Amino acid sequence: MPASQQVSELASQLRVMIAGGGTGGHVVPALAIGRELRDKHGAEVRFVGTERGIETRLVPEAGFALELVRSGQLKNVSLATRLRTMLDLPLGVVHCVRLMREFRPQVVVGVGGYASGPAMMAAVLLRIPSLAYEANAAPGMTNRWVGKRVSAAAVNFAQTTRYFRNAQVTGVPVRPEIFTLPPRPVGAPPRLLVTAGSNGALIFNETMPKIVAQLLAEVPGLTIVHQAGVRRLEQTREEFAASGADPARWSVESFLTDMPAQYEAADVVLARSGSTVAELCAAGKPSLLVPFAAAADDHQRKNAEVLVQAGAAEMLLQRDVTPEILLEHLRGLLLDSDRRAEMAQRARSLAKPGALERIAGMVLQLAGR
């Protein structure tokens, strides 16, 4: 192939840089966006993250190049950490400027998290079209900083649009099969699914063993699947066993990989309220949400409030969770099939299928494709 043709093809290929990460709530949708652009639109996609995030494992496993920059937390950390982050931030921006001049992306996508800030700032400085992705009702600090400077934004909630320029309510990338789960069979024994992030939720691991025997006794036929996280798996299993609850009716796992199947089998979901809320709506599942109290900018509470106001979920603040109160809420939901059916319908009304295609479309538009 002539050199001029190679240069022409290189110039015509869509190049996108996706920045951010730290947790699954940032990295999983970022990878979904990256795969959509690579597999359906032939884009070359490069990721920018930090060494402290799970992107260091998940991004290479997905077959993408990953560049690491120095960045850190500013919220809910010590003064020393904040000072170190403030010192690292300009270095991170300079590093990202160098990466962008080398890679020459037509669009930079920021998904929030540690690396998103310096990358989006670099994109603004270089006047590269930029897209902010925000799954939460209230943006984190990074997206609030860059919100009025980015070219456009893809958000999950209508009330979030005010924080950004040219924002569109696209929804959150959710696996397509979750939108098409069949309804629970009439008369099927009830199932409670307890889930949280990859590390589980300490409040669930500590409280559920205290109520599991009574809950199983008061809800005929109930079974429970509880995701505890690797670190608390054995202790939580031991505490479930010590409760005297019938071991045939409960299961404690470290991590659940078959989430579509788990949602399909569940009548009620006890969960945190980060990115999980989009899956709950897509699956049409009634839920009891306990926002993570230390989440940045209290975004989990704000996410849960959207579902509560729509009648799709109940919410308990973590400070209010006691064995008695948790038992009361779960028992009430599990014994009231009519209310569950109404909550399921209201949850589905909040679902946004096609989010991934809409986000990719925004990237293509910014790239002039």
Protein backbone atom coordinates (compact mmCIF):
# COMPACT_ATOMS: atom_id res chain seq x y z
CA MET A 1 0.00 0.00 0.00
CA PRO A 2 1.43 3.42 -0.96
CA ALA A 3 2.52 5.61 1.95
CA SER A 4 0.06 8.34 0.91
CA GLN A 5 -2.82 5.86 1.07
CA GLN A 6 -1.71 4.69 4.53
CA VAL A 7 -1.65 8.29 5.77
CA SER A 8 -5.09 8.90 4.25
CA GLU A 9 -6.58 5.82 5.94
CA LEU A 10 -5.00 6.78 9.27
CA ALA A 11 -6.48 10.25 8.98
CA SER A 12 -9.93 8.88 8.18
CA GLN A 13 -10.08 6.38 11.06
CA LEU A 14 -12.06 7.55 14.06
CA ARG A 15 -9.83 7.93 17.12
CA VAL A 16 -11.40 8.31 20.55
CA MET A 17 -9.79 8.70 23.96
CA ILE A 18 -11.85 7.59 26.97
CA ALA A 19 -10.68 8.89 30.35
CA GLY A 20 -11.64 8.05 33.90
CA GLY A 21 -12.18 5.06 36.12
CA GLY A 22 -11.41 3.96 39.64
CA THR A 23 -14.53 1.88 40.28
CA GLY A 24 -16.76 -0.43 38.30
CA GLY A 25 -19.39 2.29 38.07
CA HIS A 26 -16.97 4.27 35.90
CA VAL A 27 -15.03 1.52 34.14
CA VAL A 28 -17.83 -0.83 33.07
CA PRO A 29 -19.81 1.77 31.07
CA ALA A 30 -16.54 3.17 29.70
CA LEU A 31 -15.66 -0.26 28.32
CA ALA A 32 -19.14 -0.64 26.88
CA ILE A 33 -18.75 2.68 25.05
CA GLY A 34 -15.27 1.67 23.87
CA ARG A 35 -16.49 -1.67 22.50
CA GLU A 36 -19.42 -0.02 20.72
CA LEU A 37 -17.12 2.47 19.00
CA ARG A 38 -14.47 -0.13 18.14
CA ASP A 39 -16.69 -2.99 17.03
CA LYS A 40 -19.45 -1.13 15.21
CA HIS A 41 -17.69 2.00 13.98
CA GLY A 42 -14.10 0.84 13.49
CA ALA A 43 -12.70 3.34 15.96
CA GLU A 44 -9.27 3.17 17.51
CA VAL A 45 -9.91 3.66 21.22
CA ARG A 46 -7.33 4.46 23.86
CA PHE A 47 -8.07 4.68 27.58
CA VAL A 48 -6.57 6.95 30.22
CA GLY A 49 -6.70 5.89 33.86
CA THR A 50 -4.67 5.77 37.05
CA GLU A 51 -2.73 2.97 38.66
CA ARG A 52 -5.10 2.83 41.64
CA GLY A 53 -8.26 1.99 39.68
CA ILE A 54 -9.64 -1.35 38.49
CA GLU A 55 -9.12 -0.12 34.94
CA THR A 56 -5.54 -1.42 35.22
CA ARG A 57 -7.02 -4.93 35.06
CA LEU A 58 -10.28 -4.56 33.15
CA VAL A 59 -9.12 -2.34 30.26
CA PRO A 60 -6.21 -4.55 29.08
CA GLU A 61 -8.42 -7.64 29.50
CA ALA A 62 -10.89 -6.03 27.09
CA GLY A 63 -8.13 -5.54 24.52
CA PHE A 64 -7.68 -1.77 24.78
CA ALA A 65 -4.52 0.27 25.23
CA LEU A 66 -4.34 2.04 28.61
CA GLU A 67 -2.27 5.09 29.52
CA LEU A 68 -1.74 5.92 33.19
CA VAL A 69 -1.61 9.42 34.65
CA ARG A 70 -1.18 10.64 38.20
CA SER A 71 -4.36 11.88 39.85
CA GLY A 72 -6.23 11.29 43.09
CA GLN A 73 -9.14 12.16 45.35
CA LEU A 74 -10.19 15.56 46.64
CA LYS A 75 -13.39 14.63 48.48
CA ASN A 76 -13.67 12.77 51.79
CA VAL A 77 -9.90 12.45 52.18
CA SER A 78 -7.22 13.88 54.45
CA LEU A 79 -5.65 17.30 53.93
CA ALA A 80 -2.38 15.61 52.94
CA THR A 81 -4.15 13.61 50.21
CA ARG A 82 -5.93 16.70 48.91
CA LEU A 83 -2.65 18.63 48.75
CA ARG A 84 -0.95 15.76 46.92
CA THR A 85 -3.83 15.62 44.44
CA MET A 86 -3.67 19.38 43.83
CA LEU A 87 0.05 19.04 43.10
CA ASP A 88 -0.52 16.06 40.80
CA LEU A 89 -3.34 17.69 38.85
CA PRO A 90 -1.24 20.09 36.72
CA LEU A 91 1.22 17.28 35.99
CA GLY A 92 -1.69 15.07 34.95
CA VAL A 93 -3.01 17.75 32.60
CA VAL A 94 0.44 18.19 31.00
CA HIS A 95 0.75 14.41 30.63
CA CYS A 96 -2.68 14.23 28.98
CA VAL A 97 -1.79 17.08 26.61
CA ARG A 98 1.25 15.08 25.52
CA LEU A 99 -0.82 11.91 25.07
CA MET A 100 -3.41 13.73 22.97
CA ARG A 101 -0.84 15.37 20.75
CA GLU A 102 0.62 11.93 20.12
CA PHE A 103 -2.68 10.03 19.63
CA ARG A 104 -4.61 12.90 18.00
CA PRO A 105 -8.13 11.88 19.11
CA GLN A 106 -11.07 13.47 17.34
CA VAL A 107 -13.13 13.17 20.55
CA VAL A 108 -12.30 12.76 24.24
CA VAL A 109 -14.90 11.07 26.44
CA GLY A 110 -14.75 11.59 30.21
CA VAL A 111 -16.58 9.03 32.35
CA GLY A 112 -15.75 10.50 35.75
CA GLY A 113 -13.23 9.28 38.28
CA TYR A 114 -9.62 10.15 38.99
CA ALA A 115 -8.21 10.41 35.45
CA SER A 116 -11.21 12.13 33.91
CA GLY A 117 -10.38 15.58 35.30
CA PRO A 118 -6.90 16.08 33.83
CA ALA A 119 -7.90 14.49 30.52
CA MET A 120 -10.99 16.63 30.06
CA MET A 121 -9.07 19.76 31.03
CA ALA A 122 -6.41 18.88 28.46
CA ALA A 123 -9.10 18.38 25.81
CA VAL A 124 -10.57 21.80 26.58
CA LEU A 125 -7.13 23.42 26.38
CA LEU A 126 -6.41 21.74 23.04
CA ARG A 127 -9.94 22.48 21.75
CA ILE A 128 -10.62 18.83 21.07
CA PRO A 129 -14.36 18.00 21.09
CA SER A 130 -15.25 16.43 24.41
CA LEU A 131 -18.16 14.43 25.79
CA ALA A 132 -18.87 14.04 29.51
CA TYR A 133 -20.72 10.91 30.58
CA GLU A 134 -22.62 11.16 33.88
CA ALA A 135 -24.71 8.29 35.26
CA ASN A 136 -25.66 9.90 38.57
CA ALA A 137 -28.40 12.38 39.37
CA ALA A 138 -25.80 14.78 40.79
CA PRO A 139 -22.40 14.92 39.04
CA GLY A 140 -19.20 14.28 40.91
CA MET A 141 -16.60 16.97 41.39
CA THR A 142 -14.76 16.24 38.13
CA ASN A 143 -17.83 16.55 35.93
CA ARG A 144 -19.01 19.65 37.79
CA TRP A 145 -15.64 21.27 37.07
CA VAL A 146 -15.74 20.56 33.36
CA GLY A 147 -19.51 20.53 32.82
CA LYS A 148 -19.86 23.97 31.26
CA ARG A 149 -16.65 23.63 29.25
CA VAL A 150 -17.19 20.31 27.50
CA SER A 151 -18.72 20.14 24.03
CA ALA A 152 -21.63 17.92 25.11
CA ALA A 153 -22.77 15.53 27.81
CA ALA A 154 -24.62 12.21 28.01
CA VAL A 155 -26.61 11.91 31.24
CA ASN A 156 -29.02 9.46 32.84
CA PHE A 157 -31.45 11.81 34.57
CA ALA A 158 -33.27 14.85 33.18
CA GLN A 159 -32.41 16.94 36.24
CA THR A 160 -28.70 16.42 35.56
CA THR A 161 -28.75 18.34 32.27
CA ARG A 162 -28.46 21.69 34.03
CA TYR A 163 -24.87 20.95 35.03
CA PHE A 164 -23.62 20.64 31.43
CA ARG A 165 -23.52 22.24 28.01
CA ASN A 166 -25.48 20.50 25.26
CA ALA A 167 -26.61 17.65 27.52
CA GLN A 168 -28.80 14.81 26.26
CA VAL A 169 -30.62 12.26 28.40
CA THR A 170 -29.21 9.07 26.90
CA GLY A 171 -29.47 6.69 29.82
CA VAL A 172 -26.79 4.31 31.08
CA PRO A 173 -25.33 1.45 29.01
CA VAL A 174 -27.04 -1.70 30.31
CA ARG A 175 -26.72 -5.18 28.88
CA PRO A 176 -29.52 -5.58 26.30
CA GLU A 177 -30.70 -8.90 27.72
CA ILE A 178 -31.68 -7.22 31.01
CA PHE A 179 -34.35 -5.19 29.17
CA THR A 180 -36.02 -8.36 27.87
CA LEU A 181 -36.24 -10.46 31.03
CA PRO A 182 -39.55 -12.35 31.26
CA PRO A 183 -41.89 -11.55 34.16
CA ARG A 184 -41.78 -13.75 37.22
CA PRO A 185 -44.17 -16.72 36.91
CA VAL A 186 -47.40 -16.31 38.88
CA GLY A 187 -47.20 -18.30 42.09
CA ALA A 188 -43.41 -18.80 41.95
CA PRO A 189 -41.73 -18.91 45.39
CA PRO A 190 -40.40 -15.42 46.23
CA ARG A 191 -36.71 -14.61 45.87
CA LEU A 192 -34.71 -11.82 47.54
CA LEU A 193 -31.50 -10.71 45.84
CA VAL A 194 -28.98 -8.83 48.00
CA THR A 195 -26.27 -7.17 45.95
CA ALA A 196 -23.74 -4.34 46.11
CA GLY A 197 -20.41 -3.48 44.50
CA SER A 198 -17.62 -5.98 43.94
CA ASN A 199 -16.71 -5.80 47.63
CA GLY A 200 -20.27 -6.25 48.85
CA ALA A 201 -21.78 -3.92 51.44
CA LEU A 202 -20.74 -4.18 55.08
CA ILE A 203 -24.15 -3.00 56.28
CA PHE A 204 -25.84 -5.87 54.42
CA ASN A 205 -23.25 -8.43 55.52
CA GLU A 206 -23.66 -7.44 59.15
CA THR A 207 -27.45 -7.05 59.25
CA MET A 208 -28.86 -9.81 57.03
CA PRO A 209 -27.56 -12.71 59.18
CA LYS A 210 -29.42 -11.20 62.14
CA ILE A 211 -32.78 -11.32 60.38
CA VAL A 212 -32.49 -14.14 57.85
CA ALA A 213 -34.08 -16.84 60.04
CA GLN A 214 -37.09 -14.68 60.95
CA LEU A 215 -37.52 -13.41 57.38
CA LEU A 216 -37.54 -16.95 55.99
CA ALA A 217 -40.02 -17.99 58.70
CA GLU A 218 -42.43 -15.13 57.93
CA VAL A 219 -42.30 -15.27 54.09
CA PRO A 220 -43.41 -18.72 52.90
CA GLY A 221 -41.15 -20.28 50.28
CA LEU A 222 -38.68 -17.38 50.29
CA THR A 223 -35.13 -17.97 49.07
CA ILE A 224 -32.25 -15.50 49.36
CA VAL A 225 -29.14 -14.93 47.26
CA HIS A 226 -26.66 -12.66 49.04
CA GLN A 227 -23.53 -11.21 47.43
CA ALA A 228 -21.00 -10.56 50.21
CA GLY A 229 -17.72 -9.73 48.43
CA VAL A 230 -14.52 -11.75 48.64
CA ARG A 231 -13.22 -10.24 51.88
CA ARG A 232 -16.36 -10.95 53.89
CA LEU A 233 -17.49 -14.14 52.18
CA GLU A 234 -16.54 -16.73 54.78
CA GLN A 235 -17.55 -14.63 57.78
CA THR A 236 -20.94 -13.83 56.27
CA ARG A 237 -21.54 -17.47 55.37
CA GLU A 238 -20.67 -18.52 58.90
CA GLU A 239 -23.05 -15.95 60.37
CA PHE A 240 -25.87 -17.06 58.07
CA ALA A 241 -25.26 -20.66 59.11
CA ALA A 242 -25.14 -19.72 62.81
CA SER A 243 -28.55 -18.02 62.51
CA GLY A 244 -30.23 -21.40 62.21
CA ALA A 245 -31.85 -20.49 58.89
CA ASP A 246 -32.54 -23.42 56.57
CA PRO A 247 -29.35 -23.65 54.41
CA ALA A 248 -31.40 -24.90 51.46
CA ARG A 249 -33.13 -21.50 51.29
CA TRP A 250 -30.14 -19.16 51.24
CA SER A 251 -26.90 -18.77 49.33
CA VAL A 252 -24.00 -16.42 50.09
CA GLU A 253 -21.62 -15.74 47.19
CA SER A 254 -18.54 -13.55 46.83
CA PHE A 255 -19.48 -12.06 43.46
CA LEU A 256 -22.37 -12.61 41.07
CA THR A 257 -21.36 -12.78 37.42
CA ASP A 258 -24.71 -13.89 35.95
CA MET A 259 -26.66 -10.73 36.79
CA PRO A 260 -29.33 -11.08 34.07
CA ALA A 261 -30.24 -14.51 35.48
CA GLN A 262 -30.13 -13.18 39.04
CA TYR A 263 -32.48 -10.30 38.19
CA GLU A 264 -34.81 -12.65 36.33
CA ALA A 265 -35.17 -14.86 39.42
CA ALA A 266 -35.61 -12.00 41.91
CA ASP A 267 -38.86 -10.52 43.23
CA VAL A 268 -37.17 -7.86 45.38
CA VAL A 269 -33.63 -6.48 45.27
CA LEU A 270 -31.81 -5.04 48.28
CA ALA A 271 -29.01 -2.90 46.88
CA ARG A 272 -26.87 0.19 46.98
CA SER A 273 -27.84 2.95 44.56
CA GLY A 274 -24.89 3.66 42.33
CA SER A 275 -24.92 2.47 38.72
CA THR A 276 -27.11 -0.46 39.83
CA VAL A 277 -30.21 1.74 39.63
CA ALA A 278 -30.10 1.68 35.82
CA GLU A 279 -30.09 -2.13 35.83
CA LEU A 280 -32.97 -2.23 38.32
CA CYS A 281 -35.05 -0.05 36.01
CA ALA A 282 -34.11 -2.06 32.92
CA ALA A 283 -35.03 -5.29 34.73
CA GLY A 284 -38.22 -3.77 36.17
CA LYS A 285 -37.40 -4.87 39.71
CA PRO A 286 -38.85 -3.48 42.95
CA SER A 287 -36.01 -2.54 45.26
CA LEU A 288 -35.05 -1.42 48.72
CA LEU A 289 -32.11 0.95 48.30
CA VAL A 290 -29.57 1.79 51.00
CA PRO A 291 -27.29 4.52 49.59
CA PHE A 292 -23.61 4.28 50.48
CA ALA A 293 -23.25 7.03 53.06
CA ALA A 294 -19.68 7.96 52.09
CA ALA A 295 -20.34 8.22 48.34
CA ALA A 296 -18.86 11.38 46.85
CA ASP A 297 -21.31 14.31 46.90
CA ASP A 298 -23.95 11.94 48.35
CA HIS A 299 -24.76 10.93 44.78
CA GLN A 300 -26.15 7.53 45.74
CA ARG A 301 -28.86 9.10 47.91
CA LYS A 302 -29.80 11.43 45.04
CA ASN A 303 -30.00 8.47 42.65
CA ALA A 304 -32.24 6.58 45.07
CA GLU A 305 -34.51 9.59 45.53
CA VAL A 306 -35.29 9.60 41.80
CA LEU A 307 -36.58 6.01 42.00
CA VAL A 308 -38.43 6.65 45.26
CA GLN A 309 -40.19 9.70 43.83
CA ALA A 310 -41.25 7.61 40.84
CA GLY A 311 -42.65 4.90 43.10
CA ALA A 312 -40.12 2.34 41.87
CA ALA A 313 -38.20 1.81 45.10
CA GLU A 314 -38.07 2.31 48.84
CA MET A 315 -35.04 3.91 50.48
CA LEU A 316 -33.41 3.49 53.87
CA LEU A 317 -30.55 5.78 54.85
CA GLN A 318 -27.65 3.79 56.22
CA ARG A 319 -27.79 5.54 59.58
CA ASP A 320 -31.38 4.32 59.99
CA VAL A 321 -30.72 0.66 59.23
CA THR A 322 -31.33 -1.66 62.17
CA PRO A 323 -32.23 -5.36 62.02
CA GLU A 324 -35.80 -4.53 63.03
CA ILE A 325 -36.30 -1.81 60.43
CA LEU A 326 -34.67 -3.80 57.62
CA LEU A 327 -36.83 -6.83 58.47
CA GLU A 328 -39.97 -4.68 58.42
CA HIS A 329 -39.25 -3.21 54.99
CA LEU A 330 -38.23 -6.49 53.35
CA ARG A 331 -41.15 -8.41 54.83
CA GLY A 332 -43.58 -5.74 53.66
CA LEU A 333 -42.31 -5.85 50.08
CA LEU A 334 -42.04 -9.62 49.86
CA LEU A 335 -45.58 -10.20 51.16
CA ASP A 336 -47.30 -7.59 48.97
CA SER A 337 -47.37 -8.85 45.39
CA ASP A 338 -49.70 -6.09 44.17
CA ARG A 339 -47.34 -3.39 45.39
CA ARG A 340 -44.37 -5.17 43.82
CA ALA A 341 -46.17 -5.30 40.48
CA GLU A 342 -46.83 -1.55 40.60
CA MET A 343 -43.22 -0.80 41.59
CA ALA A 344 -41.96 -3.01 38.77
CA GLN A 345 -44.05 -1.11 36.23
CA ARG A 346 -42.82 2.24 37.55
CA ALA A 347 -39.20 1.04 37.46
CA ARG A 348 -39.56 0.01 33.81
CA SER A 349 -40.97 3.44 33.00
CA LEU A 350 -37.58 4.91 33.99
CA ALA A 351 -35.56 2.51 31.82
CA LYS A 352 -33.77 3.85 28.76
CA PRO A 353 -32.97 1.13 26.21
CA GLY A 354 -30.59 2.08 23.44
CA ALA A 355 -28.36 4.24 25.65
CA LEU A 356 -25.16 2.85 24.17
CA GLU A 357 -26.23 3.61 20.61
CA ARG A 358 -27.23 7.16 21.60
CA ILE A 359 -23.90 7.82 23.34
CA ALA A 360 -21.94 6.46 20.38
CA GLY A 361 -24.05 8.65 18.11
CA MET A 362 -23.07 11.72 20.12
CA VAL A 363 -19.38 10.79 19.78
CA LEU A 364 -19.76 10.36 16.01
CA GLN A 365 -21.53 13.71 15.74
CA LEU A 366 -18.77 15.47 17.68
CA ALA A 367 -16.23 13.83 15.37
CA GLY A 368 -18.11 15.09 12.33
CA ARG A 369 -19.06 11.57 11.20
